[in-house]
Amino acid sequence: MAAGAAAAMPAGVAVGLGTQLSSRQKAAVIVRLMLAEGAELKLSSLPVEAQARLAHDMATMDLIDRDTRDAVVSEFCDRLEAVGLAFPGTIDGALDILGAHLSHDTTSRLRRMAALSGASDPWDRIASLAPPQLADLARAEAVEIAAVMFQRLPVARAAEVFGLLDPELSRRIAYAMSMTGAIGAPALRRIGLAMMRTMDSLPQPAIDQAPVERVGAILNSSPSATRETVLAGLDQDDAAFAVEVRRAIFTWANIPRRIDPRDVPRIMRAADPTAVTKAMAGSHGENVATVDFLLAGLSSRLAETMREEIGALGKVATRDAEDAMNEVIAGIRRMEAEGELFLIAPDADEEGEAAAVPAGAPG
């Protein structure tokens, strides 16, 4: 069905197999069907022009009958089955696949070259930086430039970076944001490229992660007894460092304070059901609050089903429960890294109070 014919078609008329759909219209049918089934499609990752064409095609199409829908789906499935191997088609996608197989310097240089050549968005690279690096970048740039950066960052990430800055600088940046909202796309890209050059000129540590992040990552996957013992020792050796490490740690017990309740259904769908059930069944003490939090974020019917599965599983060994909890946490971390959800930044006062609780005390 041509776009002009679709636009002229009276409302309520179904398109049959006798009417030929273009490739773009067939794609629109698949997207419409997947959205209707509740699939979460990352359409924002498509080029702007492709997003606009998709929206236009969906706007100009009307009804299609079941036979046409089934034929489009069948053709789509046949093409998928015929695919032997798919490549990302972008430097960012290629680097995501190569991952740890390339050095940090090589990855950084390739992303910079891609941004400078126009093959990728410089703001994607800037947004991928760790909060301490973003804070250094904000300090190195003019206040107005930093304000543009904060407008491009996700809210949760921007809030975390704000907390690392001097309050007076944060205030000035917040005020500058009120005057930098009308920047056009070309100027925005030039600012992003300029910030990349500034970023590359800043001292780069030989070790990718800061000590706080590294210790936090190690303790994150350690048994709870080991974690509490190390934190208790850090409280005595360097209380300030211990507080920062506690803020970097994200464990099963932290889920109610760090996860938005609206994200619970997505997290539960992405997690391995067996691991979730085992983690819940093995939860005791402060970990029980996480079980209640997760179940409260589900429909009453699904929550009741999970309670029955937890009861049927019975007693779970401590080590098995901790392994299951770490598996769920690792899944949440992956979702965060892929931008599918954002963790709520821990409150400094709350973490300070946690540091004051002796090791082994109830959470």
Foldseek 3Di string as FASTA:
>chain_A
DDLVVLQPDDAPDAAEPVDDDDPLLLVLLVVVVCVVVVDDDPPVPDPPVNVVSSVSSVVSHHHHDPVVSVVSVVVVVVVVVPDDDDAPPALVRVCVVCPPVDDPVVNLVSVLVCLVVVRDQLLVVVQLDQLVLLLVLCVVDDLLLNLLNLVSHDPQSSVVNLVVDDVVSSVSSVVSVVVNPPDDPVVSRVSSSVSSVVSVPDDDDPDNDDPLLVLQVVLLLDQLQVNQVVLLVCCVVPVVSSLSNLQNHDFLLCCVVWDDLQCLVVLCVQADLVLVLLLQLADDFSNVVSLVSSLVSDDVVVSVVSVVSSVVVHYHDSVSNRVSRSRSVVSVVVCVSVVVGGIRRDDSVVSSVVSVDHRPDGD
